[in-house]
PDB file of N, CA and C in Angstrom:
ATOM      1  N   MET A   1       8.213 -16.486  -7.383  1.00  0.00           N
ATOM      2  CA  MET A   1       6.954 -16.986  -6.011  1.00  0.00           C
ATOM      3  C   MET A   1       5.987 -16.256  -6.287  1.00  0.00           C
ATOM      4  N   ARG A   2       5.150 -16.897  -5.909  1.00  0.00           N
ATOM      5  CA  ARG A   2       3.634 -16.489  -6.134  1.00  0.00           C
ATOM      6  C   ARG A   2       2.374 -16.477  -5.217  1.00  0.00           C
ATOM      7  N   SER A   3       1.836 -15.575  -5.195  1.00  0.00           N
ATOM      8  CA  SER A   3       1.427 -15.448  -3.886  1.00  0.00           C
ATOM      9  C   SER A   3      -0.408 -15.393  -4.096  1.00  0.00           C
ATOM     10  N   ARG A   4      -1.203 -15.910  -3.097  1.00  0.00           N
ATOM     11  CA  ARG A   4      -2.525 -15.335  -3.539  1.00  0.00           C
ATOM     12  C   ARG A   4      -3.043 -15.247  -2.447  1.00  0.00           C
ATOM     13  N   LEU A   5      -4.503 -14.885  -2.938  1.00  0.00           N
ATOM     14  CA  LEU A   5      -5.336 -14.105  -1.760  1.00  0.00           C
ATOM     15  C   LEU A   5      -6.731 -14.068  -1.902  1.00  0.00           C
ATOM     16  N   GLU A   6      -7.635 -15.212  -1.282  1.00  0.00           N
ATOM     17  CA  GLU A   6      -9.349 -14.899  -1.600  1.00  0.00           C
ATOM     18  C   GLU A   6      -9.787 -14.167  -0.109  1.00  0.00           C
ATOM     19  N   LEU A   7     -11.015 -13.407  -1.629  1.00  0.00           N
ATOM     20  CA  LEU A   7     -11.726 -12.352  -1.180  1.00  0.00           C
ATOM     21  C   LEU A   7     -13.265 -13.617  -0.777  1.00  0.00           C
ATOM     22  N   SER A   8     -13.494 -13.612   0.388  1.00  0.00           N
ATOM     23  CA  SER A   8     -14.924 -14.098   0.003  1.00  0.00           C
ATOM     24  C   SER A   8     -16.202 -13.554   0.397  1.00  0.00           C
ATOM     25  N   GLN A   9     -17.067 -13.783   0.426  1.00  0.00           N
ATOM     26  CA  GLN A   9     -18.721 -13.469   0.468  1.00  0.00           C
ATOM     27  C   GLN A   9     -19.344 -14.126   1.556  1.00  0.00           C
ATOM     28  N   PHE A  10     -20.135 -13.608   2.030  1.00  0.00           N
ATOM     29  CA  PHE A  10     -20.964 -14.364   2.999  1.00  0.00           C
ATOM     30  C   PHE A  10     -22.449 -14.099   2.689  1.00  0.00           C
ATOM     31  N   LEU A  11     -23.202 -15.075   2.331  1.00  0.00           N
ATOM     32  CA  LEU A  11     -24.528 -15.690   2.171  1.00  0.00           C
ATOM     33  C   LEU A  11     -25.269 -15.246   2.914  1.00  0.00           C
ATOM     34  N   THR A  12     -25.026 -16.081   4.106  1.00  0.00           N
ATOM     35  CA  THR A  12     -25.708 -15.978   4.904  1.00  0.00           C
ATOM     36  C   THR A  12     -24.785 -15.851   6.718  1.00  0.00           C
ATOM     37  N   PRO A  13     -24.967 -15.092   7.449  1.00  0.00           N
ATOM     38  CA  PRO A  13     -26.397 -14.727   7.664  1.00  0.00           C
ATOM     39  C   PRO A  13     -26.528 -13.692   7.196  1.00  0.00           C
ATOM     40  N   THR A  14     -27.533 -12.880   7.673  1.00  0.00           N
ATOM     41  CA  THR A  14     -28.331 -11.631   7.450  1.00  0.00           C
ATOM     42  C   THR A  14     -26.801 -10.912   7.260  1.00  0.00           C
ATOM     43  N   THR A  15     -26.321 -10.160   6.562  1.00  0.00           N
ATOM     44  CA  THR A  15     -25.071  -7.965   6.800  1.00  0.00           C
ATOM     45  C   THR A  15     -26.387  -7.998   7.907  1.00  0.00           C
ATOM     46  N   ILE A  16     -25.293  -7.226   9.167  1.00  0.00           N
ATOM     47  CA  ILE A  16     -25.948  -6.545  10.018  1.00  0.00           C
ATOM     48  C   ILE A  16     -25.329  -4.972  10.056  1.00  0.00           C
ATOM     49  N   SER A  17     -24.354  -4.866   9.062  1.00  0.00           N
ATOM     50  CA  SER A  17     -23.735  -3.869   8.881  1.00  0.00           C
ATOM     51  C   SER A  17     -22.593  -3.421   7.468  1.00  0.00           C
ATOM     52  N   ASP A  18     -23.177  -2.669   6.970  1.00  0.00           N
ATOM     53  CA  ASP A  18     -22.440  -2.020   5.497  1.00  0.00           C
ATOM     54  C   ASP A  18     -21.373  -1.186   5.258  1.00  0.00           C
ATOM     55  N   HIS A  19     -20.471  -1.688   5.344  1.00  0.00           N
ATOM     56  CA  HIS A  19     -18.951  -1.131   5.043  1.00  0.00           C
ATOM     57  C   HIS A  19     -18.554  -1.014   3.822  1.00  0.00           C
ATOM     58  N   ARG A  20     -19.181  -0.937   2.957  1.00  0.00           N
ATOM     59  CA  ARG A  20     -18.881  -1.075   1.963  1.00  0.00           C
ATOM     60  C   ARG A  20     -18.545   0.490   0.799  1.00  0.00           C
ATOM     61  N   THR A  21     -19.042   1.316   1.701  1.00  0.00           N
ATOM     62  CA  THR A  21     -18.828   2.513   1.743  1.00  0.00           C
ATOM     63  C   THR A  21     -18.315   3.329   2.753  1.00  0.00           C
ATOM     64  N   SER A  22     -17.330   2.741   3.302  1.00  0.00           N
ATOM     65  CA  SER A  22     -16.986   3.342   4.629  1.00  0.00           C
ATOM     66  C   SER A  22     -15.393   3.801   3.986  1.00  0.00           C
ATOM     67  N   PRO A  23     -15.178   5.375   4.581  1.00  0.00           N
ATOM     68  CA  PRO A  23     -13.902   6.202   4.561  1.00  0.00           C
ATOM     69  C   PRO A  23     -12.903   4.972   4.460  1.00  0.00           C
ATOM     70  N   VAL A  24     -11.311   5.259   4.053  1.00  0.00           N
ATOM     71  CA  VAL A  24     -10.304   4.290   3.914  1.00  0.00           C
ATOM     72  C   VAL A  24      -9.618   4.249   5.194  1.00  0.00           C
ATOM     73  N   ASN A  25     -10.105   5.743   6.286  1.00  0.00           N
ATOM     74  CA  ASN A  25      -9.040   5.014   7.918  1.00  0.00           C
ATOM     75  C   ASN A  25     -10.191   5.111   8.752  1.00  0.00           C
ATOM     76  N   SER A  26     -11.799   4.169   8.658  1.00  0.00           N
ATOM     77  CA  SER A  26     -11.994   3.158   9.064  1.00  0.00           C
ATOM     78  C   SER A  26     -11.603   2.067   9.960  1.00  0.00           C
ATOM     79  N   LEU A  27     -12.123   1.976  11.078  1.00  0.00           N
ATOM     80  CA  LEU A  27     -11.556   0.804  11.567  1.00  0.00           C
ATOM     81  C   LEU A  27     -12.557  -0.771  11.145  1.00  0.00           C
ATOM     82  N   GLY A  28     -11.492  -0.990  11.589  1.00  0.00           N
ATOM     83  CA  GLY A  28     -11.984  -3.026  10.808  1.00  0.00           C
ATOM     84  C   GLY A  28     -10.875  -3.263  10.090  1.00  0.00           C
ATOM     85  N   TYR A  29     -11.192  -4.693   9.749  1.00  0.00           N
ATOM     86  CA  TYR A  29     -10.327  -4.938   8.588  1.00  0.00           C
ATOM     87  C   TYR A  29     -10.991  -4.866   7.404  1.00  0.00           C
ATOM     88  N   LEU A  30     -10.680  -3.842   6.584  1.00  0.00           N
ATOM     89  CA  LEU A  30     -11.728  -3.411   5.657  1.00  0.00           C
ATOM     90  C   LEU A  30     -10.438  -3.538   4.362  1.00  0.00           C
ATOM     91  N   ARG A  31      -9.824  -3.255   4.678  1.00  0.00           N
ATOM     92  CA  ARG A  31      -8.622  -2.904   3.438  1.00  0.00           C
ATOM     93  C   ARG A  31      -7.400  -3.897   3.598  1.00  0.00           C
ATOM     94  N   VAL A  32      -6.312  -4.586   2.454  1.00  0.00           N
ATOM     95  CA  VAL A  32      -5.348  -4.786   2.618  1.00  0.00           C
ATOM     96  C   VAL A  32      -4.971  -3.846   1.039  1.00  0.00           C
ATOM     97  N   MET A  33      -3.394  -4.296   1.340  1.00  0.00           N
ATOM     98  CA  MET A  33      -2.935  -3.106   0.674  1.00  0.00           C
ATOM     99  C   MET A  33      -1.302  -4.356  -0.144  1.00  0.00           C
ATOM    100  N   PHE A  34      -1.450  -3.854  -1.584  1.00  0.00           N
ATOM    101  CA  PHE A  34      -0.356  -4.749  -2.462  1.00  0.00           C
ATOM    102  C   PHE A  34       0.941  -3.507  -2.827  1.00  0.00           C
ATOM    103  N   ARG A  35       2.177  -3.875  -2.837  1.00  0.00           N
ATOM    104  CA  ARG A  35       2.941  -3.708  -3.488  1.00  0.00           C
ATOM    105  C   ARG A  35       3.031  -3.803  -5.077  1.00  0.00           C
ATOM    106  N   VAL A  36       2.995  -3.091  -5.938  1.00  0.00           N
ATOM    107  CA  VAL A  36       3.257  -3.117  -7.416  1.00  0.00           C
ATOM    108  C   VAL A  36       4.127  -2.272  -7.836  1.00  0.00           C
ATOM    109  N   ASP A  37       4.417  -3.216  -8.937  1.00  0.00           N
ATOM    110  CA  ASP A  37       5.656  -2.296  -9.249  1.00  0.00           C
ATOM    111  C   ASP A  37       5.653  -1.365 -10.499  1.00  0.00           C
ATOM    112  N   ASN A  38       4.558  -0.657 -11.531  1.00  0.00           N
ATOM    113  CA  ASN A  38       3.902  -0.070 -12.093  1.00  0.00           C
ATOM    114  C   ASN A  38       2.498   0.685 -11.876  1.00  0.00           C
ATOM    115  N   LEU A  39       2.481   1.500 -10.874  1.00  0.00           N
ATOM    116  CA  LEU A  39       1.143   1.949 -10.616  1.00  0.00           C
ATOM    117  C   LEU A  39       0.345   2.138 -11.090  1.00  0.00           C
ATOM    118  N   ASP A  40       0.965   3.438 -12.350  1.00  0.00           N
ATOM    119  CA  ASP A  40      -0.254   3.730 -13.295  1.00  0.00           C
ATOM    120  C   ASP A  40      -0.447   3.328 -14.835  1.00  0.00           C
ATOM    121  N   GLU A  41      -0.010   2.456 -14.823  1.00  0.00           N
ATOM    122  CA  GLU A  41       0.160   0.775 -15.846  1.00  0.00           C
ATOM    123  C   GLU A  41      -0.540  -0.042 -15.509  1.00  0.00           C
ATOM    124  N   LEU A  42      -0.880  -0.468 -14.239  1.00  0.00           N
ATOM    125  CA  LEU A  42      -1.508  -1.235 -13.282  1.00  0.00           C
ATOM    126  C   LEU A  42      -3.203  -0.497 -13.351  1.00  0.00           C
ATOM    127  N   LEU A  43      -3.267   0.890 -12.961  1.00  0.00           N
ATOM    128  CA  LEU A  43      -4.553   1.464 -13.038  1.00  0.00           C
ATOM    129  C   LEU A  43      -5.258   1.308 -14.227  1.00  0.00           C
ATOM    130  N   VAL A  44      -4.636   1.761 -15.383  1.00  0.00           N
ATOM    131  CA  VAL A  44      -5.092   1.654 -16.626  1.00  0.00           C
ATOM    132  C   VAL A  44      -5.310   0.636 -16.809  1.00  0.00           C
ATOM    133  N   ARG A  45      -4.712  -0.878 -16.342  1.00  0.00           N
ATOM    134  CA  ARG A  45      -6.184  -2.307 -16.690  1.00  0.00           C
ATOM    135  C   ARG A  45      -7.173  -2.116 -15.711  1.00  0.00           C
ATOM    136  N   LEU A  46      -6.590  -1.509 -14.685  1.00  0.00           N
ATOM    137  CA  LEU A  46      -7.914  -1.312 -14.086  1.00  0.00           C
ATOM    138  C   LEU A  46      -9.104  -1.167 -14.291  1.00  0.00           C
ATOM    139  N   ALA A  47      -8.808   0.341 -15.448  1.00  0.00           N
ATOM    140  CA  ALA A  47     -10.011   0.960 -15.589  1.00  0.00           C
ATOM    141  C   ALA A  47     -11.082   0.193 -16.371  1.00  0.00           C
ATOM    142  N   LYS A  48      -9.794  -0.558 -17.421  1.00  0.00           N
ATOM    143  CA  LYS A  48     -11.020  -0.825 -18.051  1.00  0.00           C
ATOM    144  C   LYS A  48     -11.387  -2.386 -17.919  1.00  0.00           C
ATOM    145  N   GLN A  49     -11.656  -3.322 -16.300  1.00  0.00           N
ATOM    146  CA  GLN A  49     -12.155  -3.538 -15.957  1.00  0.00           C
ATOM    147  C   GLN A  49     -13.721  -2.765 -14.959  1.00  0.00           C
ATOM    148  N   GLY A  50     -13.665  -1.319 -15.038  1.00  0.00           N
ATOM    149  CA  GLY A  50     -14.536  -0.787 -14.120  1.00  0.00           C
ATOM    150  C   GLY A  50     -13.726  -0.496 -13.057  1.00  0.00           C
ATOM    151  N   VAL A  51     -12.742  -0.704 -12.629  1.00  0.00           N
ATOM    152  CA  VAL A  51     -11.937   0.008 -10.923  1.00  0.00           C
ATOM    153  C   VAL A  51     -12.430   1.682 -10.876  1.00  0.00           C
ATOM    154  N   GLU A  52     -12.078   2.158 -10.351  1.00  0.00           N
ATOM    155  CA  GLU A  52     -11.901   3.338 -10.053  1.00  0.00           C
ATOM    156  C   GLU A  52     -11.634   3.575  -8.854  1.00  0.00           C
ATOM    157  N   ILE A  53     -10.641   5.061  -9.103  1.00  0.00           N
ATOM    158  CA  ILE A  53      -9.508   5.357  -7.607  1.00  0.00           C
ATOM    159  C   ILE A  53     -10.216   5.804  -6.468  1.00  0.00           C
ATOM    160  N   VAL A  54      -9.861   5.422  -4.882  1.00  0.00           N
ATOM    161  CA  VAL A  54     -10.928   6.203  -4.287  1.00  0.00           C
ATOM    162  C   VAL A  54      -9.636   7.098  -3.092  1.00  0.00           C
ATOM    163  N   GLY A  55     -10.402   8.494  -3.658  1.00  0.00           N
ATOM    164  CA  GLY A  55      -9.889   9.605  -3.211  1.00  0.00           C
ATOM    165  C   GLY A  55      -8.941  10.234  -4.401  1.00  0.00           C
ATOM    166  N   GLU A  56      -7.430  10.093  -3.929  1.00  0.00           N
ATOM    167  CA  GLU A  56      -6.032  10.559  -5.436  1.00  0.00           C
ATOM    168  C   GLU A  56      -5.157   9.797  -5.014  1.00  0.00           C
ATOM    169  N   ILE A  57      -3.857   9.415  -5.958  1.00  0.00           N
ATOM    170  CA  ILE A  57      -2.775   8.924  -5.951  1.00  0.00           C
ATOM    171  C   ILE A  57      -1.890   9.783  -5.013  1.00  0.00           C
ATOM    172  N   VAL A  58      -0.722   9.803  -4.221  1.00  0.00           N
ATOM    173  CA  VAL A  58      -0.316  10.756  -2.965  1.00  0.00           C
ATOM    174  C   VAL A  58       1.122  10.092  -3.078  1.00  0.00           C
ATOM    175  N   ASN A  59       2.099  10.610  -2.667  1.00  0.00           N
ATOM    176  CA  ASN A  59       3.479  10.850  -2.227  1.00  0.00           C
ATOM    177  C   ASN A  59       3.616  10.623  -1.369  1.00  0.00           C
ATOM    178  N   TYR A  60       4.351   9.132  -0.648  1.00  0.00           N
ATOM    179  CA  TYR A  60       3.997   9.252   1.007  1.00  0.00           C
ATOM    180  C   TYR A  60       5.810   9.494   0.875  1.00  0.00           C
ATOM    181  N   GLU A  61       6.372  10.503   1.245  1.00  0.00           N
ATOM    182  CA  GLU A  61       7.324  10.959   1.913  1.00  0.00           C
ATOM    183  C   GLU A  61       8.776  10.490   0.792  1.00  0.00           C
ATOM    184  N   ASP A  62       8.474  10.536  -0.398  1.00  0.00           N
ATOM    185  CA  ASP A  62       8.879  10.483  -1.721  1.00  0.00           C
ATOM    186  C   ASP A  62       9.936   8.843  -1.058  1.00  0.00           C
ATOM    187  N   ILE A  63       8.976   7.827  -0.889  1.00  0.00           N
ATOM    188  CA  ILE A  63       9.076   5.937  -1.092  1.00  0.00           C
ATOM    189  C   ILE A  63       8.232   5.608  -1.479  1.00  0.00           C
ATOM    190  N   TYR A  64       7.030   6.222  -1.386  1.00  0.00           N
ATOM    191  CA  TYR A  64       5.738   5.135  -1.786  1.00  0.00           C
ATOM    192  C   TYR A  64       4.906   6.282  -2.408  1.00  0.00           C
ATOM    193  N   ARG A  65       4.054   5.815  -3.487  1.00  0.00           N
ATOM    194  CA  ARG A  65       3.148   6.761  -4.242  1.00  0.00           C
ATOM    195  C   ARG A  65       2.216   5.585  -4.285  1.00  0.00           C
ATOM    196  N   LEU A  66       0.742   6.203  -3.362  1.00  0.00           N
ATOM    197  CA  LEU A  66      -0.601   5.155  -3.204  1.00  0.00           C
ATOM    198  C   LEU A  66      -1.502   5.545  -3.234  1.00  0.00           C
ATOM    199  N   CYS A  67      -2.234   4.659  -3.515  1.00  0.00           N
ATOM    200  CA  CYS A  67      -3.723   5.155  -3.733  1.00  0.00           C
ATOM    201  C   CYS A  67      -5.325   3.726  -3.383  1.00  0.00           C
ATOM    202  N   TYR A  68      -6.249   3.928  -3.373  1.00  0.00           N
ATOM    203  CA  TYR A  68      -6.396   3.116  -2.735  1.00  0.00           C
ATOM    204  C   TYR A  68      -7.819   3.061  -4.140  1.00  0.00           C
ATOM    205  N   ILE A  69      -8.327   1.412  -4.107  1.00  0.00           N
ATOM    206  CA  ILE A  69      -9.302   1.723  -4.691  1.00  0.00           C
ATOM    207  C   ILE A  69     -10.167   0.597  -4.680  1.00  0.00           C
ATOM    208  N   ARG A  70     -11.450   0.132  -4.989  1.00  0.00           N
ATOM    209  CA  ARG A  70     -12.909  -0.332  -3.812  1.00  0.00           C
ATOM    210  C   ARG A  70     -12.595  -2.050  -5.007  1.00  0.00           C
ATOM    211  N   GLY A  71     -12.832  -2.814  -4.344  1.00  0.00           N
ATOM    212  CA  GLY A  71     -12.686  -4.027  -4.780  1.00  0.00           C
ATOM    213  C   GLY A  71     -13.476  -5.365  -4.652  1.00  0.00           C
ATOM    214  N   ALA A  72     -13.734  -6.281  -4.910  1.00  0.00           N
ATOM    215  CA  ALA A  72     -15.288  -6.562  -4.554  1.00  0.00           C
ATOM    216  C   ALA A  72     -15.715  -6.837  -3.367  1.00  0.00           C
ATOM    217  N   GLU A  73     -16.891  -6.443  -3.062  1.00  0.00           N
ATOM    218  CA  GLU A  73     -17.668  -6.598  -2.180  1.00  0.00           C
ATOM    219  C   GLU A  73     -17.384  -5.655  -1.223  1.00  0.00           C
ATOM    220  N   GLY A  74     -16.194  -3.856  -2.046  1.00  0.00           N
ATOM    221  CA  GLY A  74     -16.278  -3.331  -1.285  1.00  0.00           C
ATOM    222  C   GLY A  74     -15.378  -3.348  -0.501  1.00  0.00           C
ATOM    223  N   LEU A  75     -14.657  -3.921  -0.765  1.00  0.00           N
ATOM    224  CA  LEU A  75     -13.116  -4.010  -0.029  1.00  0.00           C
ATOM    225  C   LEU A  75     -12.152  -2.966  -0.592  1.00  0.00           C
ATOM    226  N   LEU A  76     -11.591  -2.345   0.461  1.00  0.00           N
ATOM    227  CA  LEU A  76     -10.524  -1.529  -0.047  1.00  0.00           C
ATOM    228  C   LEU A  76      -9.124  -1.824  -0.584  1.00  0.00           C
ATOM    229  N   ILE A  77      -8.598  -1.904  -1.333  1.00  0.00           N
ATOM    230  CA  ILE A  77      -7.532  -2.195  -1.801  1.00  0.00           C
ATOM    231  C   ILE A  77      -6.411  -1.151  -2.021  1.00  0.00           C
ATOM    232  N   GLY A  78      -5.627  -0.840  -0.903  1.00  0.00           N
ATOM    233  CA  GLY A  78      -4.073  -0.172  -1.280  1.00  0.00           C
ATOM    234  C   GLY A  78      -3.426  -0.265  -2.415  1.00  0.00           C
ATOM    235  N   LEU A  79      -2.967  -0.154  -3.792  1.00  0.00           N
ATOM    236  CA  LEU A  79      -2.079  -0.275  -3.952  1.00  0.00           C
ATOM    237  C   LEU A  79      -0.635   1.069  -3.718  1.00  0.00           C
ATOM    238  N   ALA A  80       0.822   0.303  -3.426  1.00  0.00           N
ATOM    239  CA  ALA A  80       1.698   1.042  -3.155  1.00  0.00           C
ATOM    240  C   ALA A  80       2.859   0.730  -4.082  1.00  0.00           C
ATOM    241  N   GLU A  81       3.669   1.948  -5.290  1.00  0.00           N
ATOM    242  CA  GLU A  81       4.639   2.056  -5.903  1.00  0.00           C
ATOM    243  C   GLU A  81       6.116   2.037  -4.949  1.00  0.00           C
ATOM    244  N   GLN A  82       6.934   1.429  -4.988  1.00  0.00           N
ATOM    245  CA  GLN A  82       8.072   1.823  -4.166  1.00  0.00           C
ATOM    246  C   GLN A  82       8.665   2.889  -5.383  1.00  0.00           C
ATOM    247  N   LEU A  83       9.406   3.491  -4.523  1.00  0.00           N
ATOM    248  CA  LEU A  83       9.855   5.157  -5.253  1.00  0.00           C
ATOM    249  C   LEU A  83      11.634   4.463  -4.945  1.00  0.00           C
ATOM    250  N   GLY A  84      12.752   4.115  -5.600  1.00  0.00           N
ATOM    251  CA  GLY A  84      13.982   3.746  -5.547  1.00  0.00           C
ATOM    252  C   GLY A  84      14.235   2.545  -4.411  1.00  0.00           C
ATOM    253  N   ASN A  85      14.903   2.567  -3.893  1.00  0.00           N
ATOM    254  CA  ASN A  85      15.491   1.830  -2.959  1.00  0.00           C
ATOM    255  C   ASN A  85      14.907   1.289  -1.718  1.00  0.00           C
ATOM    256  N   GLN A  86      14.971   2.834  -1.081  1.00  0.00           N
ATOM    257  CA  GLN A  86      14.234   3.090   0.169  1.00  0.00           C
ATOM    258  C   GLN A  86      12.838   2.445   1.005  1.00  0.00           C
ATOM    259  N   THR A  87      12.899   1.952   1.665  1.00  0.00           N
ATOM    260  CA  THR A  87      11.401   1.612   2.260  1.00  0.00           C
ATOM    261  C   THR A  87      10.715   2.411   3.332  1.00  0.00           C
ATOM    262  N   ALA A  88       9.742   2.251   4.133  1.00  0.00           N
ATOM    263  CA  ALA A  88       9.694   3.432   5.187  1.00  0.00           C
ATOM    264  C   ALA A  88      10.106   2.488   6.208  1.00  0.00           C
ATOM    265  N   LYS A  89      10.412   1.224   5.990  1.00  0.00           N
ATOM    266  CA  LYS A  89      11.477   0.233   7.098  1.00  0.00           C
ATOM    267  C   LYS A  89      12.335   1.326   7.597  1.00  0.00           C
ATOM    268  N   ASP A  90      13.103   1.715   6.168  1.00  0.00           N
ATOM    269  CA  ASP A  90      14.585   2.088   6.469  1.00  0.00           C
ATOM    270  C   ASP A  90      14.578   3.632   7.248  1.00  0.00           C
ATOM    271  N   ILE A  91      13.323   4.102   7.182  1.00  0.00           N
ATOM    272  CA  ILE A  91      13.155   5.830   7.855  1.00  0.00           C
ATOM    273  C   ILE A  91      12.635   5.367   9.064  1.00  0.00           C
ATOM    274  N   LEU A  92      12.082   4.345   9.449  1.00  0.00           N
ATOM    275  CA  LEU A  92      11.865   3.944  11.078  1.00  0.00           C
ATOM    276  C   LEU A  92      13.218   3.799  11.942  1.00  0.00           C
ATOM    277  N   GLU A  93      14.095   2.828  11.272  1.00  0.00           N
ATOM    278  CA  GLU A  93      15.233   2.790  11.928  1.00  0.00           C
ATOM    279  C   GLU A  93      16.013   3.562  11.688  1.00  0.00           C
ATOM    280  N   LYS A  94      16.101   4.571  10.870  1.00  0.00           N
ATOM    281  CA  LYS A  94      17.242   5.925  11.048  1.00  0.00           C
ATOM    282  C   LYS A  94      16.668   6.581  12.163  1.00  0.00           C
ATOM    283  N   SER A  95      15.626   7.032  12.178  1.00  0.00           N
ATOM    284  CA  SER A  95      14.950   7.462  14.021  1.00  0.00           C
ATOM    285  C   SER A  95      14.987   6.849  15.002  1.00  0.00           C
TER     286      SER A  95
END
């Protein structure tokens, strides 16, 4: 199964605000997140393309390793590597 994501850029009208340096917890549709298989290997490949990590890589409850990178037009792109078989949804269902 293949998925596609289209990123667009507005040429007109003139920009009324610039979100490209907003922090990751800003309101609005400023970010998208992808599950990846090998975060470290992917980050090495992306670094060769000039991509930098925003903040740091974090471990979320031993379920995911997460980080943000800044992509085209300043869009924040989250990358999540699942650790083991458990997901965040599994944890919520047990609560």
